[in-house]
């Protein structure tokens, strides 16, 4: 997916069960294989991926793995919810990446929980799924990189069982397109969305970034999600529940 993924698995009770180790190791291998599978199916960098071929009209949706149709349905739902600011067709070509990474990480996290590792962090290029706790009585802490001051943090998000996704200019410049104008969105430098599901947090962050100044009021209306943003001028805002 053109980025780095990492796994941080904790033993919150301080035990290292001999039976848990192999099971969790197998789940980690399964999760890594899953992420590679997602990359093979959804990569827009690989010309032979089903999504690339679908976008060029070489195959139909029926020819794709079933998860492609599921992702496109999710994209349509978020597009409706965001008044079109989120789209699976940025710049006019098929690219559902803004929801795929979060969705893939969410599933990888579920694999670890099902294997008996409830306390873990899965980080996909800065979009993070925090499961359980960091340790006994300890919350996870996630630094939000400052988009205008490399090496600095703009905020720290602390909590348990959270998804944290950021869309902004820090890594790739002004790459998020406002679908209503066809031009890069420039009002915000970054927006971080926090909530229970990383697929939606990922997509909401992209939609909110494209909205610019209207994003704060929109996120306030989303059930269970909050946001923190840095504007292009360096000012910050956050939603009331954060």
C-alpha atoms as a PDB file:
ATOM      1  CA  UNK A   1       0.000   0.000   0.000  1.00  0.00           C
ATOM      2  CA  UNK A   2       2.996   2.249  -0.311  1.00  0.00           C
ATOM      3  CA  UNK A   3       3.476   2.633   3.439  1.00  0.00           C
ATOM      4  CA  UNK A   4       4.692   0.893   6.611  1.00  0.00           C
ATOM      5  CA  UNK A   5       2.603  -1.305   8.917  1.00  0.00           C
ATOM      6  CA  UNK A   6       3.501  -2.293  12.471  1.00  0.00           C
ATOM      7  CA  UNK A   7       2.043  -4.451  15.249  1.00  0.00           C
ATOM      8  CA  UNK A   8       2.471  -3.897  18.990  1.00  0.00           C
ATOM      9  CA  UNK A   9       0.991  -6.747  21.069  1.00  0.00           C
ATOM     10  CA  UNK A  10       0.821  -6.401  24.869  1.00  0.00           C
ATOM     11  CA  UNK A  11       0.295  -8.823  27.767  1.00  0.00           C
ATOM     12  CA  UNK A  12      -1.817  -6.630  30.008  1.00  0.00           C
ATOM     13  CA  UNK A  13      -1.872  -9.103  32.892  1.00  0.00           C
ATOM     14  CA  UNK A  14       1.906  -9.519  32.892  1.00  0.00           C
ATOM     15  CA  UNK A  15       1.740 -13.203  31.901  1.00  0.00           C
ATOM     16  CA  UNK A  16       3.362 -14.835  28.900  1.00  0.00           C
ATOM     17  CA  UNK A  17       1.275 -17.964  28.447  1.00  0.00           C
ATOM     18  CA  UNK A  18       3.118 -20.757  26.599  1.00  0.00           C
ATOM     19  CA  UNK A  19      -0.077 -21.630  24.734  1.00  0.00           C
ATOM     20  CA  UNK A  20      -0.868 -18.035  23.791  1.00  0.00           C
ATOM     21  CA  UNK A  21       2.479 -17.370  22.113  1.00  0.00           C
ATOM     22  CA  UNK A  22       2.170 -19.727  19.132  1.00  0.00           C
ATOM     23  CA  UNK A  23      -1.490 -18.809  18.645  1.00  0.00           C
ATOM     24  CA  UNK A  24      -0.740 -15.087  18.581  1.00  0.00           C
ATOM     25  CA  UNK A  25       2.283 -15.628  16.319  1.00  0.00           C
ATOM     26  CA  UNK A  26       0.054 -17.527  13.897  1.00  0.00           C
ATOM     27  CA  UNK A  27      -2.502 -14.705  14.010  1.00  0.00           C
ATOM     28  CA  UNK A  28       0.225 -12.164  13.262  1.00  0.00           C
ATOM     29  CA  UNK A  29       1.279 -14.204  10.236  1.00  0.00           C
ATOM     30  CA  UNK A  30      -2.352 -14.414   9.136  1.00  0.00           C
ATOM     31  CA  UNK A  31      -2.782 -10.664   9.564  1.00  0.00           C
ATOM     32  CA  UNK A  32       0.341  -9.908   7.512  1.00  0.00           C
ATOM     33  CA  UNK A  33      -0.857 -12.280   4.775  1.00  0.00           C
ATOM     34  CA  UNK A  34      -4.230 -10.516   4.847  1.00  0.00           C
ATOM     35  CA  UNK A  35      -2.597  -7.106   4.356  1.00  0.00           C
ATOM     36  CA  UNK A  36      -0.617  -8.425   1.392  1.00  0.00           C
ATOM     37  CA  UNK A  37      -3.829  -9.838  -0.070  1.00  0.00           C
ATOM     38  CA  UNK A  38      -5.553  -6.464   0.301  1.00  0.00           C
ATOM     39  CA  UNK A  39      -2.609  -4.819  -1.443  1.00  0.00           C
ATOM     40  CA  UNK A  40      -2.814  -7.275  -4.338  1.00  0.00           C
ATOM     41  CA  UNK A  41      -6.542  -6.655  -4.778  1.00  0.00           C
ATOM     42  CA  UNK A  42      -6.846  -2.908  -4.157  1.00  0.00           C
ATOM     43  CA  UNK A  43      -3.477  -1.408  -5.085  1.00  0.00           C
ATOM     44  CA  UNK A  44      -3.722   1.495  -7.512  1.00  0.00           C
ATOM     45  CA  UNK A  45       0.055   1.250  -8.014  1.00  0.00           C
ATOM     46  CA  UNK A  46      -0.110  -2.242  -9.507  1.00  0.00           C
ATOM     47  CA  UNK A  47      -1.556  -2.196 -13.036  1.00  0.00           C
ATOM     48  CA  UNK A  48      -2.692  -5.822 -12.801  1.00  0.00           C
ATOM     49  CA  UNK A  49      -4.643  -5.480  -9.521  1.00  0.00           C
ATOM     50  CA  UNK A  50      -8.406  -6.053  -9.824  1.00  0.00           C
ATOM     51  CA  UNK A  51      -9.105  -2.451  -8.778  1.00  0.00           C
ATOM     52  CA  UNK A  52      -6.706  -1.066 -11.412  1.00  0.00           C
ATOM     53  CA  UNK A  53      -8.222  -3.283 -14.099  1.00  0.00           C
ATOM     54  CA  UNK A  54     -11.761  -2.408 -12.976  1.00  0.00           C
ATOM     55  CA  UNK A  55     -10.925   1.286 -13.143  1.00  0.00           C
ATOM     56  CA  UNK A  56      -9.704   0.883 -16.737  1.00  0.00           C
ATOM     57  CA  UNK A  57     -12.854  -1.004 -17.699  1.00  0.00           C
ATOM     58  CA  UNK A  58     -10.981  -4.223 -18.504  1.00  0.00           C
ATOM     59  CA  UNK A  59     -13.106  -6.286 -16.092  1.00  0.00           C
ATOM     60  CA  UNK A  60     -16.484  -5.890 -14.412  1.00  0.00           C
ATOM     61  CA  UNK A  61     -17.288  -5.783 -10.711  1.00  0.00           C
ATOM     62  CA  UNK A  62     -18.514  -9.381 -10.992  1.00  0.00           C
ATOM     63  CA  UNK A  63     -15.007 -10.405 -12.082  1.00  0.00           C
ATOM     64  CA  UNK A  64     -13.436  -8.921  -8.925  1.00  0.00           C
ATOM     65  CA  UNK A  65     -13.024 -10.573  -5.515  1.00  0.00           C
ATOM     66  CA  UNK A  66     -16.240 -10.076  -3.499  1.00  0.00           C
ATOM     67  CA  UNK A  67     -14.621  -7.636  -1.076  1.00  0.00           C
ATOM     68  CA  UNK A  68     -14.314  -5.060  -3.878  1.00  0.00           C
ATOM     69  CA  UNK A  69     -18.091  -4.725  -4.134  1.00  0.00           C
ATOM     70  CA  UNK A  70     -18.310  -4.447  -0.352  1.00  0.00           C
ATOM     71  CA  UNK A  71     -15.750  -1.643  -0.272  1.00  0.00           C
ATOM     72  CA  UNK A  72     -17.503   0.259  -3.058  1.00  0.00           C
ATOM     73  CA  UNK A  73     -20.788   0.010  -1.143  1.00  0.00           C
ATOM     74  CA  UNK A  74     -19.045   1.447   1.925  1.00  0.00           C
ATOM     75  CA  UNK A  75     -17.599   4.238  -0.205  1.00  0.00           C
ATOM     76  CA  UNK A  76     -21.039   5.087  -1.575  1.00  0.00           C
ATOM     77  CA  UNK A  77     -22.489   5.193   1.937  1.00  0.00           C
ATOM     78  CA  UNK A  78     -19.756   7.540   3.221  1.00  0.00           C
ATOM     79  CA  UNK A  79     -20.068   9.664   0.087  1.00  0.00           C
ATOM     80  CA  UNK A  80     -23.780  10.154   0.775  1.00  0.00           C
ATOM     81  CA  UNK A  81     -23.065  10.912   4.444  1.00  0.00           C
ATOM     82  CA  UNK A  82     -20.370  13.460   3.570  1.00  0.00           C
ATOM     83  CA  UNK A  83     -22.380  15.278   0.899  1.00  0.00           C
ATOM     84  CA  UNK A  84     -20.013  13.982  -1.752  1.00  0.00           C
ATOM     85  CA  UNK A  85     -16.790  15.248  -0.181  1.00  0.00           C
ATOM     86  CA  UNK A  86     -15.615  11.658   0.186  1.00  0.00           C
ATOM     87  CA  UNK A  87     -15.524   9.730  -3.069  1.00  0.00           C
ATOM     88  CA  UNK A  88     -14.107   6.494  -4.466  1.00  0.00           C
ATOM     89  CA  UNK A  89     -13.357   8.420  -7.660  1.00  0.00           C
ATOM     90  CA  UNK A  90     -10.995  11.265  -6.698  1.00  0.00           C
ATOM     91  CA  UNK A  91      -9.875  13.099  -9.793  1.00  0.00           C
ATOM     92  CA  UNK A  92     -12.318  11.020 -11.817  1.00  0.00           C
ATOM     93  CA  UNK A  93     -10.583   7.651 -11.496  1.00  0.00           C
ATOM     94  CA  UNK A  94     -11.375   4.700  -9.259  1.00  0.00           C
ATOM     95  CA  UNK A  95      -9.309   4.844  -6.065  1.00  0.00           C
ATOM     96  CA  UNK A  96     -10.963   3.597  -2.838  1.00  0.00           C
ATOM     97  CA  UNK A  97      -7.647   3.745  -0.935  1.00  0.00           C
ATOM     98  CA  UNK A  98      -8.990   6.298   1.567  1.00  0.00           C
ATOM     99  CA  UNK A  99     -11.182   3.627   3.132  1.00  0.00           C
ATOM    100  CA  UNK A 100      -9.286   0.440   2.226  1.00  0.00           C
ATOM    101  CA  UNK A 101      -6.293   0.940   4.532  1.00  0.00           C
ATOM    102  CA  UNK A 102      -8.429   1.557   7.612  1.00  0.00           C
ATOM    103  CA  UNK A 103     -10.692  -1.362   6.701  1.00  0.00           C
ATOM    104  CA  UNK A 104      -7.700  -3.678   6.252  1.00  0.00           C
ATOM    105  CA  UNK A 105      -6.156  -2.648   9.590  1.00  0.00           C
ATOM    106  CA  UNK A 106      -9.519  -3.101  11.338  1.00  0.00           C
ATOM    107  CA  UNK A 107      -9.696  -6.698  10.080  1.00  0.00           C
ATOM    108  CA  UNK A 108      -6.063  -7.381  11.054  1.00  0.00           C
ATOM    109  CA  UNK A 109      -6.862  -6.149  14.571  1.00  0.00           C
ATOM    110  CA  UNK A 110      -9.889  -8.452  14.740  1.00  0.00           C
ATOM    111  CA  UNK A 111      -7.661 -11.412  13.847  1.00  0.00           C
ATOM    112  CA  UNK A 112      -5.444 -10.684  16.845  1.00  0.00           C
ATOM    113  CA  UNK A 113      -8.412 -10.334  19.208  1.00  0.00           C
ATOM    114  CA  UNK A 114      -9.855 -13.632  17.971  1.00  0.00           C
ATOM    115  CA  UNK A 115      -6.489 -15.297  18.658  1.00  0.00           C
ATOM    116  CA  UNK A 116      -6.523 -14.196  22.307  1.00  0.00           C
ATOM    117  CA  UNK A 117      -4.501 -10.975  22.065  1.00  0.00           C
ATOM    118  CA  UNK A 118      -7.043  -8.286  23.000  1.00  0.00           C
ATOM    119  CA  UNK A 119      -4.452  -5.631  23.908  1.00  0.00           C
ATOM    120  CA  UNK A 120      -2.602  -4.437  20.837  1.00  0.00           C
ATOM    121  CA  UNK A 121      -1.977  -1.592  18.419  1.00  0.00           C
ATOM    122  CA  UNK A 122      -1.953  -1.971  14.638  1.00  0.00           C
ATOM    123  CA  UNK A 123      -0.484   1.017  12.809  1.00  0.00           C
ATOM    124  CA  UNK A 124      -0.959   1.360   9.059  1.00  0.00           C
ATOM    125  CA  UNK A 125       0.985   4.363   7.844  1.00  0.00           C
ATOM    126  CA  UNK A 126      -0.115   6.498  10.792  1.00  0.00           C
ATOM    127  CA  UNK A 127      -3.714   5.301  10.857  1.00  0.00           C
ATOM    128  CA  UNK A 128      -3.961   3.402  14.124  1.00  0.00           C
ATOM    129  CA  UNK A 129      -6.309   0.814  15.640  1.00  0.00           C
ATOM    130  CA  UNK A 130      -5.901   0.611  19.420  1.00  0.00           C
ATOM    131  CA  UNK A 131      -7.439  -2.488  20.969  1.00  0.00           C
ATOM    132  CA  UNK A 132      -7.813  -2.975  24.690  1.00  0.00           C
ATOM    133  CA  UNK A 133      -5.248  -1.212  26.877  1.00  0.00           C
ATOM    134  CA  UNK A 134      -1.516  -0.516  26.702  1.00  0.00           C
ATOM    135  CA  UNK A 135      -1.044  -2.172  30.083  1.00  0.00           C
ATOM    136  CA  UNK A 136      -2.696  -2.547  33.499  1.00  0.00           C
ATOM    137  CA  UNK A 137      -4.296   0.817  34.215  1.00  0.00           C
ATOM    138  CA  UNK A 138      -2.543   2.378  31.219  1.00  0.00           C
ATOM    139  CA  UNK A 139      -4.191   3.950  28.204  1.00  0.00           C
ATOM    140  CA  UNK A 140      -2.692   3.995  24.740  1.00  0.00           C
ATOM    141  CA  UNK A 141      -1.153   7.316  23.657  1.00  0.00           C
ATOM    142  CA  UNK A 142      -0.955   8.328  19.990  1.00  0.00           C
ATOM    143  CA  UNK A 143       0.943  11.395  18.855  1.00  0.00           C
ATOM    144  CA  UNK A 144      -0.564  13.468  16.053  1.00  0.00           C
ATOM    145  CA  UNK A 145       2.241  14.806  13.867  1.00  0.00           C
ATOM    146  CA  UNK A 146       2.207  18.542  13.281  1.00  0.00           C
ATOM    147  CA  UNK A 147       1.727  19.021   9.524  1.00  0.00           C
ATOM    148  CA  UNK A 148       3.502  22.392   9.451  1.00  0.00           C
ATOM    149  CA  UNK A 149       6.373  21.680  11.863  1.00  0.00           C
ATOM    150  CA  UNK A 150       8.153  18.415  10.965  1.00  0.00           C
ATOM    151  CA  UNK A 151       9.217  16.488  14.040  1.00  0.00           C
ATOM    152  CA  UNK A 152       6.719  18.197  16.353  1.00  0.00           C
ATOM    153  CA  UNK A 153       3.435  16.895  17.704  1.00  0.00           C
ATOM    154  CA  UNK A 154       0.236  18.884  17.343  1.00  0.00           C
ATOM    155  CA  UNK A 155      -1.650  16.785  19.910  1.00  0.00           C
ATOM    156  CA  UNK A 156      -1.667  13.475  21.781  1.00  0.00           C
ATOM    157  CA  UNK A 157      -4.735  11.238  21.760  1.00  0.00           C
ATOM    158  CA  UNK A 158      -5.093   8.996  24.799  1.00  0.00           C
ATOM    159  CA  UNK A 159      -7.597   6.201  25.348  1.00  0.00           C
ATOM    160  CA  UNK A 160      -8.530   2.549  24.961  1.00  0.00           C
ATOM    161  CA  UNK A 161     -10.322   0.741  22.135  1.00  0.00           C
ATOM    162  CA  UNK A 162      -9.986   3.606  19.686  1.00  0.00           C
ATOM    163  CA  UNK A 163      -9.344   4.186  16.003  1.00  0.00           C
ATOM    164  CA  UNK A 164      -7.254   7.232  15.069  1.00  0.00           C
ATOM    165  CA  UNK A 165      -6.900   8.325  11.430  1.00  0.00           C
ATOM    166  CA  UNK A 166      -5.269  11.427   9.990  1.00  0.00           C
ATOM    167  CA  UNK A 167      -5.532  13.012   6.555  1.00  0.00           C
ATOM    168  CA  UNK A 168      -3.220  15.856   5.667  1.00  0.00           C
ATOM    169  CA  UNK A 169      -0.326  17.326   3.769  1.00  0.00           C
ATOM    170  CA  UNK A 170       2.590  16.258   5.977  1.00  0.00           C
ATOM    171  CA  UNK A 171       3.614  13.132   4.049  1.00  0.00           C
ATOM    172  CA  UNK A 172       2.278  13.568   0.499  1.00  0.00           C
ATOM    173  CA  UNK A 173       1.603  17.287   0.134  1.00  0.00           C
ATOM    174  CA  UNK A 174      -1.745  18.590  -1.123  1.00  0.00           C
ATOM    175  CA  UNK A 175      -3.057  15.288  -2.495  1.00  0.00           C
ATOM    176  CA  UNK A 176      -6.684  15.239  -1.264  1.00  0.00           C
ATOM    177  CA  UNK A 177      -9.008  16.441  -4.024  1.00  0.00           C
ATOM    178  CA  UNK A 178     -12.174  18.412  -3.328  1.00  0.00           C
ATOM    179  CA  UNK A 179     -14.602  16.490  -5.587  1.00  0.00           C
ATOM    180  CA  UNK A 180     -16.796  19.568  -5.972  1.00  0.00           C
ATOM    181  CA  UNK A 181     -14.023  21.696  -7.484  1.00  0.00           C
ATOM    182  CA  UNK A 182     -11.619  19.084  -8.838  1.00  0.00           C
ATOM    183  CA  UNK A 183      -8.744  20.900  -7.131  1.00  0.00           C
ATOM    184  CA  UNK A 184      -6.645  19.971  -4.063  1.00  0.00           C
ATOM    185  CA  UNK A 185      -8.225  20.953  -0.743  1.00  0.00           C
ATOM    186  CA  UNK A 186      -6.097  23.613   0.947  1.00  0.00           C
ATOM    187  CA  UNK A 187      -8.027  25.081   3.915  1.00  0.00           C
ATOM    188  CA  UNK A 188      -6.703  22.484   6.376  1.00  0.00           C
ATOM    189  CA  UNK A 189      -3.180  21.167   6.888  1.00  0.00           C
ATOM    190  CA  UNK A 190      -4.422  18.032   8.650  1.00  0.00           C
ATOM    191  CA  UNK A 191      -7.495  16.579  10.287  1.00  0.00           C
ATOM    192  CA  UNK A 192      -7.502  13.630  12.692  1.00  0.00           C
ATOM    193  CA  UNK A 193     -10.679  11.644  13.284  1.00  0.00           C
ATOM    194  CA  UNK A 194     -11.118   9.449  16.372  1.00  0.00           C
ATOM    195  CA  UNK A 195     -13.839   6.829  16.802  1.00  0.00           C
ATOM    196  CA  UNK A 196     -14.630   3.137  17.203  1.00  0.00           C
ATOM    197  CA  UNK A 197     -13.934   1.910  13.646  1.00  0.00           C
ATOM    198  CA  UNK A 198     -10.811   2.644  11.606  1.00  0.00           C
ATOM    199  CA  UNK A 199     -12.399   2.103   8.193  1.00  0.00           C
ATOM    200  CA  UNK A 200     -14.902   4.882   8.876  1.00  0.00           C
ATOM    201  CA  UNK A 201     -12.404   7.084  10.727  1.00  0.00           C
ATOM    202  CA  UNK A 202     -10.078   6.802   7.726  1.00  0.00           C
ATOM    203  CA  UNK A 203     -12.822   7.732   5.256  1.00  0.00           C
ATOM    204  CA  UNK A 204     -14.241  10.477   7.483  1.00  0.00           C
ATOM    205  CA  UNK A 205     -10.785  12.052   7.823  1.00  0.00           C
ATOM    206  CA  UNK A 206     -10.461  12.249   4.041  1.00  0.00           C
ATOM    207  CA  UNK A 207     -13.958  13.666   3.629  1.00  0.00           C
ATOM    208  CA  UNK A 208     -13.407  16.172   6.424  1.00  0.00           C
ATOM    209  CA  UNK A 209     -10.116  17.317   4.927  1.00  0.00           C
ATOM    210  CA  UNK A 210     -11.797  17.900   1.568  1.00  0.00           C
ATOM    211  CA  UNK A 211     -14.550  19.929   3.306  1.00  0.00           C
ATOM    212  CA  UNK A 212     -12.138  22.354   4.903  1.00  0.00           C
ATOM    213  CA  UNK A 213     -13.877  24.853   7.180  1.00  0.00           C
ATOM    214  CA  UNK A 214     -17.190  22.989   7.120  1.00  0.00           C
ATOM    215  CA  UNK A 215     -15.621  19.836   8.586  1.00  0.00           C
ATOM    216  CA  UNK A 216     -15.976  20.733  12.258  1.00  0.00           C
ATOM    217  CA  UNK A 217     -19.749  21.085  12.144  1.00  0.00           C
ATOM    218  CA  UNK A 218     -20.061  17.935  10.028  1.00  0.00           C
ATOM    219  CA  UNK A 219     -18.017  15.749  12.403  1.00  0.00           C
ATOM    220  CA  UNK A 220     -20.046  17.097  15.347  1.00  0.00           C
ATOM    221  CA  UNK A 221     -23.054  15.414  13.742  1.00  0.00           C
ATOM    222  CA  UNK A 222     -21.368  12.005  13.396  1.00  0.00           C
ATOM    223  CA  UNK A 223     -22.335   9.530  16.108  1.00  0.00           C
ATOM    224  CA  UNK A 224     -19.294   8.348  18.058  1.00  0.00           C
ATOM    225  CA  UNK A 225     -16.626  10.287  16.144  1.00  0.00           C
ATOM    226  CA  UNK A 226     -14.580  13.352  17.070  1.00  0.00           C
ATOM    227  CA  UNK A 227     -11.950  15.401  15.241  1.00  0.00           C
ATOM    228  CA  UNK A 228      -8.879  17.571  15.754  1.00  0.00           C
ATOM    229  CA  UNK A 229      -7.574  19.786  12.947  1.00  0.00           C
ATOM    230  CA  UNK A 230      -4.688  22.056  12.101  1.00  0.00           C
ATOM    231  CA  UNK A 231      -5.569  24.743   9.571  1.00  0.00           C
ATOM    232  CA  UNK A 232      -3.328  25.948   6.763  1.00  0.00           C
ATOM    233  CA  UNK A 233      -2.420  28.965   8.893  1.00  0.00           C
ATOM    234  CA  UNK A 234      -1.427  26.843  11.896  1.00  0.00           C
ATOM    235  CA  UNK A 235      -4.547  27.439  14.007  1.00  0.00           C
ATOM    236  CA  UNK A 236      -6.222  24.407  15.588  1.00  0.00           C
ATOM    237  CA  UNK A 237      -9.754  23.311  16.435  1.00  0.00           C
ATOM    238  CA  UNK A 238     -11.408  20.246  17.904  1.00  0.00           C
ATOM    239  CA  UNK A 239     -14.920  18.944  18.203  1.00  0.00           C
ATOM    240  CA  UNK A 240     -16.740  19.296  21.505  1.00  0.00           C
ATOM    241  CA  UNK A 241     -16.449  15.674  22.605  1.00  0.00           C
ATOM    242  CA  UNK A 242     -12.716  15.316  22.165  1.00  0.00           C
END
